Structures are given as C-alpha cells and as structure tokens.
Amino acid sequence: MAPEQAKGVKQLTTTADIYSLGAILYQLRTGRPPFHAETPLQTLYKVLEQEPTRPSQINLRVDCDLETVCLKCLEKDPQRRFGSAEALAEHLERWLGQEPI
C-alpha cells in the first residue's frame, strides 16, 4: 500500500500503482516485502515513516541500477516516483539491455 493510500487519500493516481510495482520488485529481489511488522497497524506506520532497507543490504547480488529503479518506485512522495508505468518499463528495459538508466 502506497503511503498516500495509508493516509486515506481518496483520489489516488497511477503513482500508487507504481509504488505497488516497486513493492513487488523489492520482494522478488529480496524475498521479503519492503515493510513488515508484527501487526498491520505497525506495518502501516513503517510505510508512512520509514525508508525501506536497501535491497542490496539484504541480497548482495542486487544490481545497483535495479536497486535505484526499485527505490524510486518506493519513494514516499508520489511526485518523486515514475510518472507512469511506461516510464518505469523504459527504465527496466534499459536495465535489461545493460544500458544506463
């Protein structure tokens, strides 16, 4: 759940979906979600107040460019995330092609 969603914002944008895609990418690379706590309420607090652990600190094999893409998706501020799924896809395609992101 994106931070703005956790805050109860009624009109979500595509950036909430980008956040969710980043959370999936994070879990695929690390084997765990970006935020986890004993209770759902504690997890929501972490989503709102904490930064995720860098994926490379959990899995040393995570490429730094892929980590950058993932963490951009997980930015707290929606305006700092990719503006569209297309923009995210372009960065992932560049990463797959071993081009600069």
PDB file of N, CA and C in Angstrom:
ATOM      1  N   MET A   1       0.844  -1.173   0.000  1.00  0.00           N
ATOM      2  CA  MET A   1       0.000   0.000   0.000  1.00  0.00           C
ATOM      3  C   MET A   1       0.894   1.242   0.000  1.00  0.00           C
ATOM      4  N   ALA A   2       0.629   2.136  -0.918  1.00  0.00           N
ATOM      5  CA  ALA A   2       1.404   3.372  -1.010  1.00  0.00           C
ATOM      6  C   ALA A   2       1.131   4.255   0.214  1.00  0.00           C
ATOM      7  N   PRO A   3       2.095   5.092   0.594  1.00  0.00           N
ATOM      8  CA  PRO A   3       1.899   5.950   1.760  1.00  0.00           C
ATOM      9  C   PRO A   3       0.642   6.821   1.660  1.00  0.00           C
ATOM     10  N   GLU A   4       0.366   7.352   0.486  1.00  0.00           N
ATOM     11  CA  GLU A   4      -0.823   8.199   0.347  1.00  0.00           C
ATOM     12  C   GLU A   4      -2.102   7.392   0.542  1.00  0.00           C
ATOM     13  N   GLN A   5      -2.061   6.145   0.175  1.00  0.00           N
ATOM     14  CA  GLN A   5      -3.189   5.251   0.384  1.00  0.00           C
ATOM     15  C   GLN A   5      -3.350   4.975   1.881  1.00  0.00           C
ATOM     16  N   ALA A   6      -2.241   4.767   2.558  1.00  0.00           N
ATOM     17  CA  ALA A   6      -2.265   4.532   4.001  1.00  0.00           C
ATOM     18  C   ALA A   6      -2.789   5.755   4.752  1.00  0.00           C
ATOM     19  N   LYS A   7      -2.569   6.947   4.191  1.00  0.00           N
ATOM     20  CA  LYS A   7      -3.065   8.179   4.811  1.00  0.00           C
ATOM     21  C   LYS A   7      -4.546   8.387   4.555  1.00  0.00           C
ATOM     22  N   GLY A   8      -5.123   7.612   3.635  1.00  0.00           N
ATOM     23  CA  GLY A   8      -6.551   7.725   3.364  1.00  0.00           C
ATOM     24  C   GLY A   8      -6.901   8.697   2.251  1.00  0.00           C
ATOM     25  N   VAL A   9      -5.921   9.040   1.412  1.00  0.00           N
ATOM     26  CA  VAL A   9      -6.201   9.912   0.275  1.00  0.00           C
ATOM     27  C   VAL A   9      -7.237   9.239  -0.613  1.00  0.00           C
ATOM     28  N   LYS A  10      -8.277   9.970  -0.961  1.00  0.00           N
ATOM     29  CA  LYS A  10      -9.384   9.395  -1.727  1.00  0.00           C
ATOM     30  C   LYS A  10      -9.071   9.238  -3.208  1.00  0.00           C
ATOM     31  N   GLN A  11      -8.399  10.228  -3.793  1.00  0.00           N
ATOM     32  CA  GLN A  11      -8.134  10.173  -5.230  1.00  0.00           C
ATOM     33  C   GLN A  11      -6.673   9.792  -5.467  1.00  0.00           C
ATOM     34  N   LEU A  12      -6.478   8.512  -5.685  1.00  0.00           N
ATOM     35  CA  LEU A  12      -5.136   8.011  -5.944  1.00  0.00           C
ATOM     36  C   LEU A  12      -4.820   8.138  -7.421  1.00  0.00           C
ATOM     37  N   THR A  13      -3.541   8.203  -7.720  1.00  0.00           N
ATOM     38  CA  THR A  13      -3.103   8.316  -9.110  1.00  0.00           C
ATOM     39  C   THR A  13      -2.314   7.069  -9.488  1.00  0.00           C
ATOM     40  N   THR A  14      -1.832   7.079 -10.686  1.00  0.00           N
ATOM     41  CA  THR A  14      -1.005   5.985 -11.195  1.00  0.00           C
ATOM     42  C   THR A  14       0.219   5.761 -10.320  1.00  0.00           C
ATOM     43  N   THR A  15       0.668   6.793  -9.651  1.00  0.00           N
ATOM     44  CA  THR A  15       1.869   6.647  -8.828  1.00  0.00           C
ATOM     45  C   THR A  15       1.661   5.668  -7.669  1.00  0.00           C
ATOM     46  N   ALA A  16       0.426   5.472  -7.227  1.00  0.00           N
ATOM     47  CA  ALA A  16       0.157   4.448  -6.201  1.00  0.00           C
ATOM     48  C   ALA A  16       0.398   3.062  -6.799  1.00  0.00           C
ATOM     49  N   ASP A  17       0.049   2.886  -8.065  1.00  0.00           N
ATOM     50  CA  ASP A  17       0.317   1.618  -8.743  1.00  0.00           C
ATOM     51  C   ASP A  17       1.822   1.413  -8.924  1.00  0.00           C
ATOM     52  N   ILE A  18       2.532   2.482  -9.223  1.00  0.00           N
ATOM     53  CA  ILE A  18       3.993   2.404  -9.370  1.00  0.00           C
ATOM     54  C   ILE A  18       4.603   1.957  -8.045  1.00  0.00           C
ATOM     55  N   TYR A  19       4.102   2.501  -6.948  1.00  0.00           N
ATOM     56  CA  TYR A  19       4.585   2.099  -5.629  1.00  0.00           C
ATOM     57  C   TYR A  19       4.382   0.594  -5.440  1.00  0.00           C
ATOM     58  N   SER A  20       3.201   0.106  -5.798  1.00  0.00           N
ATOM     59  CA  SER A  20       2.899  -1.323  -5.655  1.00  0.00           C
ATOM     60  C   SER A  20       3.822  -2.178  -6.513  1.00  0.00           C
ATOM     61  N   LEU A  21       4.105  -1.732  -7.718  1.00  0.00           N
ATOM     62  CA  LEU A  21       5.037  -2.471  -8.583  1.00  0.00           C
ATOM     63  C   LEU A  21       6.436  -2.480  -7.969  1.00  0.00           C
ATOM     64  N   GLY A  22       6.822  -1.375  -7.367  1.00  0.00           N
ATOM     65  CA  GLY A  22       8.112  -1.319  -6.675  1.00  0.00           C
ATOM     66  C   GLY A  22       8.163  -2.284  -5.502  1.00  0.00           C
ATOM     67  N   ALA A  23       7.057  -2.407  -4.779  1.00  0.00           N
ATOM     68  CA  ALA A  23       6.998  -3.338  -3.653  1.00  0.00           C
ATOM     69  C   ALA A  23       7.129  -4.784  -4.137  1.00  0.00           C
ATOM     70  N   ILE A  24       6.508  -5.089  -5.271  1.00  0.00           N
ATOM     71  CA  ILE A  24       6.626  -6.435  -5.850  1.00  0.00           C
ATOM     72  C   ILE A  24       8.063  -6.691  -6.294  1.00  0.00           C
ATOM     73  N   LEU A  25       8.657  -5.723  -6.981  1.00  0.00           N
ATOM     74  CA  LEU A  25      10.045  -5.860  -7.419  1.00  0.00           C
ATOM     75  C   LEU A  25      10.971  -6.054  -6.214  1.00  0.00           C
ATOM     76  N   TYR A  26      10.724  -5.297  -5.162  1.00  0.00           N
ATOM     77  CA  TYR A  26      11.517  -5.404  -3.935  1.00  0.00           C
ATOM     78  C   TYR A  26      11.433  -6.821  -3.389  1.00  0.00           C
ATOM     79  N   GLN A  27      10.220  -7.347  -3.289  1.00  0.00           N
ATOM     80  CA  GLN A  27      10.050  -8.695  -2.746  1.00  0.00           C
ATOM     81  C   GLN A  27      10.696  -9.748  -3.638  1.00  0.00           C
ATOM     82  N   LEU A  28      10.597  -9.562  -4.952  1.00  0.00           N
ATOM     83  CA  LEU A  28      11.223 -10.517  -5.867  1.00  0.00           C
ATOM     84  C   LEU A  28      12.740 -10.547  -5.702  1.00  0.00           C
ATOM     85  N   ARG A  29      13.347  -9.416  -5.424  1.00  0.00           N
ATOM     86  CA  ARG A  29      14.806  -9.350  -5.310  1.00  0.00           C
ATOM     87  C   ARG A  29      15.319  -9.697  -3.917  1.00  0.00           C
ATOM     88  N   THR A  30      14.484  -9.485  -2.884  1.00  0.00           N
ATOM     89  CA  THR A  30      14.967  -9.680  -1.513  1.00  0.00           C
ATOM     90  C   THR A  30      14.322 -10.869  -0.790  1.00  0.00           C
ATOM     91  N   GLY A  31      13.185 -11.320  -1.288  1.00  0.00           N
ATOM     92  CA  GLY A  31      12.467 -12.394  -0.619  1.00  0.00           C
ATOM     93  C   GLY A  31      11.583 -11.926   0.520  1.00  0.00           C
ATOM     94  N   ARG A  32      11.440 -10.604   0.664  1.00  0.00           N
ATOM     95  CA  ARG A  32      10.565 -10.068   1.713  1.00  0.00           C
ATOM     96  C   ARG A  32       9.972  -8.735   1.264  1.00  0.00           C
ATOM     97  N   PRO A  33       8.851  -8.337   1.865  1.00  0.00           N
ATOM     98  CA  PRO A  33       8.262  -7.049   1.486  1.00  0.00           C
ATOM     99  C   PRO A  33       9.124  -5.894   2.002  1.00  0.00           C
ATOM    100  N   PRO A  34       8.945  -4.710   1.439  1.00  0.00           N
ATOM    101  CA  PRO A  34       9.748  -3.567   1.891  1.00  0.00           C
ATOM    102  C   PRO A  34       9.480  -3.185   3.344  1.00  0.00           C
ATOM    103  N   PHE A  35       8.274  -3.477   3.824  1.00  0.00           N
ATOM    104  CA  PHE A  35       7.921  -3.167   5.208  1.00  0.00           C
ATOM    105  C   PHE A  35       7.151  -4.330   5.798  1.00  0.00           C
ATOM    106  N   HIS A  36       7.515  -4.697   7.019  1.00  0.00           N
ATOM    107  CA  HIS A  36       6.826  -5.775   7.707  1.00  0.00           C
ATOM    108  C   HIS A  36       6.967  -5.545   9.202  1.00  0.00           C
ATOM    109  N   ALA A  37       5.881  -5.768   9.910  1.00  0.00           N
ATOM    110  CA  ALA A  37       5.897  -5.647  11.367  1.00  0.00           C
ATOM    111  C   ALA A  37       4.952  -6.693  11.949  1.00  0.00           C
ATOM    112  N   GLU A  38       4.870  -6.724  13.253  1.00  0.00           N
ATOM    113  CA  GLU A  38       4.050  -7.723  13.924  1.00  0.00           C
ATOM    114  C   GLU A  38       2.557  -7.548  13.651  1.00  0.00           C
ATOM    115  N   THR A  39       2.117  -6.308  13.482  1.00  0.00           N
ATOM    116  CA  THR A  39       0.692  -6.059  13.235  1.00  0.00           C
ATOM    117  C   THR A  39       0.529  -5.221  11.968  1.00  0.00           C
ATOM    118  N   PRO A  40      -0.648  -5.285  11.356  1.00  0.00           N
ATOM    119  CA  PRO A  40      -0.886  -4.432  10.184  1.00  0.00           C
ATOM    120  C   PRO A  40      -0.721  -2.941  10.500  1.00  0.00           C
ATOM    121  N   LEU A  41      -1.144  -2.508  11.671  1.00  0.00           N
ATOM    122  CA  LEU A  41      -1.016  -1.096  12.042  1.00  0.00           C
ATOM    123  C   LEU A  41       0.448  -0.685  12.136  1.00  0.00           C
ATOM    124  N   GLN A  42       1.276  -1.538  12.708  1.00  0.00           N
ATOM    125  CA  GLN A  42       2.708  -1.248  12.798  1.00  0.00           C
ATOM    126  C   GLN A  42       3.343  -1.223  11.406  1.00  0.00           C
ATOM    127  N   THR A  43       2.866  -2.080  10.521  1.00  0.00           N
ATOM    128  CA  THR A  43       3.362  -2.078   9.149  1.00  0.00           C
ATOM    129  C   THR A  43       2.998  -0.772   8.459  1.00  0.00           C
ATOM    130  N   LEU A  44       1.757  -0.313   8.629  1.00  0.00           N
ATOM    131  CA  LEU A  44       1.347   0.965   8.034  1.00  0.00           C
ATOM    132  C   LEU A  44       2.197   2.113   8.561  1.00  0.00           C
ATOM    133  N   TYR A  45       2.521   2.079   9.837  1.00  0.00           N
ATOM    134  CA  TYR A  45       3.380   3.117  10.401  1.00  0.00           C
ATOM    135  C   TYR A  45       4.729   3.126   9.685  1.00  0.00           C
ATOM    136  N   LYS A  46       5.283   1.944   9.454  1.00  0.00           N
ATOM    137  CA  LYS A  46       6.564   1.873   8.753  1.00  0.00           C
ATOM    138  C   LYS A  46       6.442   2.417   7.328  1.00  0.00           C
ATOM    139  N   VAL A  47       5.355   2.092   6.651  1.00  0.00           N
ATOM    140  CA  VAL A  47       5.135   2.602   5.289  1.00  0.00           C
ATOM    141  C   VAL A  47       5.143   4.126   5.296  1.00  0.00           C
ATOM    142  N   LEU A  48       4.549   4.718   6.320  1.00  0.00           N
ATOM    143  CA  LEU A  48       4.449   6.170   6.399  1.00  0.00           C
ATOM    144  C   LEU A  48       5.722   6.852   6.890  1.00  0.00           C
ATOM    145  N   GLU A  49       6.450   6.209   7.774  1.00  0.00           N
ATOM    146  CA  GLU A  49       7.522   6.904   8.489  1.00  0.00           C
ATOM    147  C   GLU A  49       8.943   6.432   8.204  1.00  0.00           C
ATOM    148  N   GLN A  50       9.116   5.249   7.653  1.00  0.00           N
ATOM    149  CA  GLN A  50      10.464   4.716   7.481  1.00  0.00           C
ATOM    150  C   GLN A  50      10.801   4.514   6.007  1.00  0.00           C
ATOM    151  N   GLU A  51      12.080   4.485   5.733  1.00  0.00           N
ATOM    152  CA  GLU A  51      12.552   4.147   4.397  1.00  0.00           C
ATOM    153  C   GLU A  51      12.827   2.646   4.369  1.00  0.00           C
ATOM    154  N   PRO A  52      12.590   2.010   3.227  1.00  0.00           N
ATOM    155  CA  PRO A  52      12.904   0.582   3.170  1.00  0.00           C
ATOM    156  C   PRO A  52      14.416   0.356   3.226  1.00  0.00           C
ATOM    157  N   THR A  53      14.790  -0.786   3.737  1.00  0.00           N
ATOM    158  CA  THR A  53      16.199  -1.190   3.700  1.00  0.00           C
ATOM    159  C   THR A  53      16.591  -1.348   2.240  1.00  0.00           C
ATOM    160  N   ARG A  54      17.776  -0.882   1.897  1.00  0.00           N
ATOM    161  CA  ARG A  54      18.232  -1.018   0.513  1.00  0.00           C
ATOM    162  C   ARG A  54      18.262  -2.504   0.147  1.00  0.00           C
ATOM    163  N   PRO A  55      17.709  -2.880  -0.998  1.00  0.00           N
ATOM    164  CA  PRO A  55      17.701  -4.293  -1.389  1.00  0.00           C
ATOM    165  C   PRO A  55      19.083  -4.937  -1.372  1.00  0.00           C
ATOM    166  N   SER A  56      20.113  -4.191  -1.731  1.00  0.00           N
ATOM    167  CA  SER A  56      21.466  -4.751  -1.762  1.00  0.00           C
ATOM    168  C   SER A  56      22.000  -5.070  -0.367  1.00  0.00           C
ATOM    169  N   GLN A  57      21.382  -4.517   0.667  1.00  0.00           N
ATOM    170  CA  GLN A  57      21.787  -4.852   2.027  1.00  0.00           C
ATOM    171  C   GLN A  57      21.192  -6.197   2.456  1.00  0.00           C
ATOM    172  N   ILE A  58      20.162  -6.629   1.747  1.00  0.00           N
ATOM    173  CA  ILE A  58      19.519  -7.906   2.045  1.00  0.00           C
ATOM    174  C   ILE A  58      20.037  -8.987   1.099  1.00  0.00           C
ATOM    175  N   ASN A  59      20.198  -8.623  -0.158  1.00  0.00           N
ATOM    176  CA  ASN A  59      20.679  -9.545  -1.191  1.00  0.00           C
ATOM    177  C   ASN A  59      21.843  -8.868  -1.908  1.00  0.00           C
ATOM    178  N   LEU A  60      23.040  -9.312  -1.631  1.00  0.00           N
ATOM    179  CA  LEU A  60      24.236  -8.674  -2.193  1.00  0.00           C
ATOM    180  C   LEU A  60      24.297  -8.756  -3.712  1.00  0.00           C
ATOM    181  N   ARG A  61      23.493  -9.618  -4.310  1.00  0.00           N
ATOM    182  CA  ARG A  61      23.517  -9.788  -5.769  1.00  0.00           C
ATOM    183  C   ARG A  61      22.598  -8.801  -6.494  1.00  0.00           C
ATOM    184  N   VAL A  62      21.893  -7.955  -5.767  1.00  0.00           N
ATOM    185  CA  VAL A  62      21.015  -6.976  -6.413  1.00  0.00           C
ATOM    186  C   VAL A  62      21.873  -5.919  -7.103  1.00  0.00           C
ATOM    187  N   ASP A  63      21.649  -5.762  -8.380  1.00  0.00           N
ATOM    188  CA  ASP A  63      22.368  -4.766  -9.181  1.00  0.00           C
ATOM    189  C   ASP A  63      22.011  -3.363  -8.692  1.00  0.00           C
ATOM    190  N   CYS A  64      23.004  -2.475  -8.651  1.00  0.00           N
ATOM    191  CA  CYS A  64      22.766  -1.121  -8.118  1.00  0.00           C
ATOM    192  C   CYS A  64      21.770  -0.333  -8.966  1.00  0.00           C
ATOM    193  N   ASP A  65      21.780  -0.518 -10.292  1.00  0.00           N
ATOM    194  CA  ASP A  65      20.808   0.198 -11.128  1.00  0.00           C
ATOM    195  C   ASP A  65      19.390  -0.310 -10.886  1.00  0.00           C
ATOM    196  N   LEU A  66      19.238  -1.612 -10.746  1.00  0.00           N
ATOM    197  CA  LEU A  66      17.918  -2.164 -10.450  1.00  0.00           C
ATOM    198  C   LEU A  66      17.449  -1.697  -9.076  1.00  0.00           C
ATOM    199  N   GLU A  67      18.363  -1.611  -8.139  1.00  0.00           N
ATOM    200  CA  GLU A  67      18.028  -1.092  -6.816  1.00  0.00           C
ATOM    201  C   GLU A  67      17.542   0.355  -6.917  1.00  0.00           C
ATOM    202  N   THR A  68      18.194   1.147  -7.734  1.00  0.00           N
ATOM    203  CA  THR A  68      17.793   2.539  -7.932  1.00  0.00           C
ATOM    204  C   THR A  68      16.368   2.623  -8.479  1.00  0.00           C
ATOM    205  N   VAL A  69      16.060   1.794  -9.468  1.00  0.00           N
ATOM    206  CA  VAL A  69      14.712   1.776 -10.049  1.00  0.00           C
ATOM    207  C   VAL A  69      13.696   1.381  -8.982  1.00  0.00           C
ATOM    208  N   CYS A  70      14.003   0.346  -8.253  1.00  0.00           N
ATOM    209  CA  CYS A  70      13.100  -0.155  -7.215  1.00  0.00           C
ATOM    210  C   CYS A  70      12.829   0.919  -6.164  1.00  0.00           C
ATOM    211  N   LEU A  71      13.872   1.544  -5.667  1.00  0.00           N
ATOM    212  CA  LEU A  71      13.713   2.552  -4.623  1.00  0.00           C
ATOM    213  C   LEU A  71      13.010   3.808  -5.136  1.00  0.00           C
ATOM    214  N   LYS A  72      13.172   4.121  -6.406  1.00  0.00           N
ATOM    215  CA  LYS A  72      12.432   5.252  -6.985  1.00  0.00           C
ATOM    216  C   LYS A  72      10.936   4.953  -6.965  1.00  0.00           C
ATOM    217  N   CYS A  73      10.573   3.717  -7.224  1.00  0.00           N
ATOM    218  CA  CYS A  73       9.161   3.317  -7.157  1.00  0.00           C
ATOM    219  C   CYS A  73       8.611   3.453  -5.740  1.00  0.00           C
ATOM    220  N   LEU A  74       9.470   3.274  -4.755  1.00  0.00           N
ATOM    221  CA  LEU A  74       9.053   3.263  -3.356  1.00  0.00           C
ATOM    222  C   LEU A  74       9.230   4.610  -2.647  1.00  0.00           C
ATOM    223  N   GLU A  75       9.430   5.661  -3.408  1.00  0.00           N
ATOM    224  CA  GLU A  75       9.557   6.989  -2.801  1.00  0.00           C
ATOM    225  C   GLU A  75       8.282   7.339  -2.034  1.00  0.00           C
ATOM    226  N   LYS A  76       8.426   7.975  -0.895  1.00  0.00           N
ATOM    227  CA  LYS A  76       7.261   8.393  -0.096  1.00  0.00           C
ATOM    228  C   LYS A  76       6.442   9.445  -0.844  1.00  0.00           C
ATOM    229  N   ASP A  77       7.123  10.374  -1.477  1.00  0.00           N
ATOM    230  CA  ASP A  77       6.467  11.447  -2.221  1.00  0.00           C
ATOM    231  C   ASP A  77       6.088  10.935  -3.609  1.00  0.00           C
ATOM    232  N   PRO A  78       4.797  10.883  -3.940  1.00  0.00           N
ATOM    233  CA  PRO A  78       4.379  10.372  -5.249  1.00  0.00           C
ATOM    234  C   PRO A  78       5.016  11.109  -6.429  1.00  0.00           C
ATOM    235  N   GLN A  79       5.337  12.373  -6.265  1.00  0.00           N
ATOM    236  CA  GLN A  79       5.928  13.142  -7.361  1.00  0.00           C
ATOM    237  C   GLN A  79       7.366  12.729  -7.644  1.00  0.00           C
ATOM    238  N   ARG A  80       7.978  12.004  -6.732  1.00  0.00           N
ATOM    239  CA  ARG A  80       9.361  11.550  -6.932  1.00  0.00           C
ATOM    240  C   ARG A  80       9.429  10.156  -7.563  1.00  0.00           C
ATOM    241  N   ARG A  81       8.264   9.507  -7.714  1.00  0.00           N
ATOM    242  CA  ARG A  81       8.211   8.193  -8.352  1.00  0.00           C
ATOM    243  C   ARG A  81       8.131   8.362  -9.864  1.00  0.00           C
ATOM    244  N   PHE A  82       8.217   7.248 -10.586  1.00  0.00           N
ATOM    245  CA  PHE A  82       7.989   7.291 -12.029  1.00  0.00           C
ATOM    246  C   PHE A  82       6.563   7.776 -12.253  1.00  0.00           C
ATOM    247  N   GLY A  83       6.379   8.607 -13.256  1.00  0.00           N
ATOM    248  CA  GLY A  83       5.066   9.196 -13.517  1.00  0.00           C
ATOM    249  C   GLY A  83       4.088   8.270 -14.202  1.00  0.00           C
ATOM    250  N   SER A  84       4.606   7.181 -14.757  1.00  0.00           N
ATOM    251  CA  SER A  84       3.735   6.242 -15.468  1.00  0.00           C
ATOM    252  C   SER A  84       4.380   4.862 -15.484  1.00  0.00           C
ATOM    253  N   ALA A  85       3.554   3.874 -15.766  1.00  0.00           N
ATOM    254  CA  ALA A  85       4.075   2.514 -15.921  1.00  0.00           C
ATOM    255  C   ALA A  85       4.994   2.449 -17.135  1.00  0.00           C
ATOM    256  N   GLU A  86       4.704   3.252 -18.136  1.00  0.00           N
ATOM    257  CA  GLU A  86       5.545   3.284 -19.327  1.00  0.00           C
ATOM    258  C   GLU A  86       6.955   3.777 -18.981  1.00  0.00           C
ATOM    259  N   ALA A  87       7.040   4.813 -18.166  1.00  0.00           N
ATOM    260  CA  ALA A  87       8.353   5.331 -17.761  1.00  0.00           C
ATOM    261  C   ALA A  87       9.124   4.277 -16.959  1.00  0.00           C
ATOM    262  N   LEU A  88       8.428   3.585 -16.086  1.00  0.00           N
ATOM    263  CA  LEU A  88       9.060   2.502 -15.332  1.00  0.00           C
ATOM    264  C   LEU A  88       9.536   1.410 -16.282  1.00  0.00           C
ATOM    265  N   ALA A  89       8.692   1.028 -17.218  1.00  0.00           N
ATOM    266  CA  ALA A  89       9.045  -0.025 -18.181  1.00  0.00           C
ATOM    267  C   ALA A  89      10.268   0.378 -19.000  1.00  0.00           C
ATOM    268  N   GLU A  90      10.351   1.640 -19.399  1.00  0.00           N
ATOM    269  CA  GLU A  90      11.508   2.112 -20.168  1.00  0.00           C
ATOM    270  C   GLU A  90      12.797   1.944 -19.370  1.00  0.00           C
ATOM    271  N   HIS A  91      12.758   2.271 -18.092  1.00  0.00           N
ATOM    272  CA  HIS A  91      13.952   2.122 -17.253  1.00  0.00           C
ATOM    273  C   HIS A  91      14.312   0.654 -17.076  1.00  0.00           C
ATOM    274  N   LEU A  92      13.305  -0.191 -16.895  1.00  0.00           N
ATOM    275  CA  LEU A  92      13.578  -1.624 -16.756  1.00  0.00           C
ATOM    276  C   LEU A  92      14.131  -2.213 -18.051  1.00  0.00           C
ATOM    277  N   GLU A  93      13.624  -1.757 -19.186  1.00  0.00           N
ATOM    278  CA  GLU A  93      14.146  -2.232 -20.482  1.00  0.00           C
ATOM    279  C   GLU A  93      15.599  -1.800 -20.661  1.00  0.00           C
ATOM    280  N   ARG A  94      15.912  -0.570 -20.258  1.00  0.00           N
ATOM    281  CA  ARG A  94      17.309  -0.122 -20.342  1.00  0.00           C
ATOM    282  C   ARG A  94      18.190  -0.964 -19.435  1.00  0.00           C
ATOM    283  N   TRP A  95      17.692  -1.272 -18.232  1.00  0.00           N
ATOM    284  CA  TRP A  95      18.468  -2.103 -17.318  1.00  0.00           C
ATOM    285  C   TRP A  95      18.681  -3.496 -17.931  1.00  0.00           C
ATOM    286  N   LEU A  96      17.625  -4.075 -18.489  1.00  0.00           N
ATOM    287  CA  LEU A  96      17.748  -5.391 -19.108  1.00  0.00           C
ATOM    288  C   LEU A  96      18.745  -5.386 -20.270  1.00  0.00           C
ATOM    289  N   GLY A  97      18.792  -4.262 -20.998  1.00  0.00           N
ATOM    290  CA  GLY A  97      19.724  -4.124 -22.120  1.00  0.00           C
ATOM    291  C   GLY A  97      21.107  -3.674 -21.688  1.00  0.00           C
ATOM    292  N   GLN A  98      21.332  -3.613 -20.388  1.00  0.00           N
ATOM    293  CA  GLN A  98      22.601  -3.168 -19.812  1.00  0.00           C
ATOM    294  C   GLN A  98      22.994  -1.778 -20.288  1.00  0.00           C
ATOM    295  N   GLU A  99      21.978  -0.937 -20.443  1.00  0.00           N
ATOM    296  CA  GLU A  99      22.184   0.464 -20.811  1.00  0.00           C
ATOM    297  C   GLU A  99      22.054   1.314 -19.541  1.00  0.00           C
ATOM    298  N   PRO A 100      22.596   2.518 -19.561  1.00  0.00           N
ATOM    299  CA  PRO A 100      22.438   3.394 -18.391  1.00  0.00           C
ATOM    300  C   PRO A 100      20.968   3.716 -18.148  1.00  0.00           C
ATOM    301  N   ILE A 101      20.605   3.761 -16.884  1.00  0.00           N
ATOM    302  CA  ILE A 101      19.219   4.120 -16.585  1.00  0.00           C
ATOM    303  C   ILE A 101      19.132   5.600 -16.442  1.00  0.00           C
TER     304      ILE A 101
END
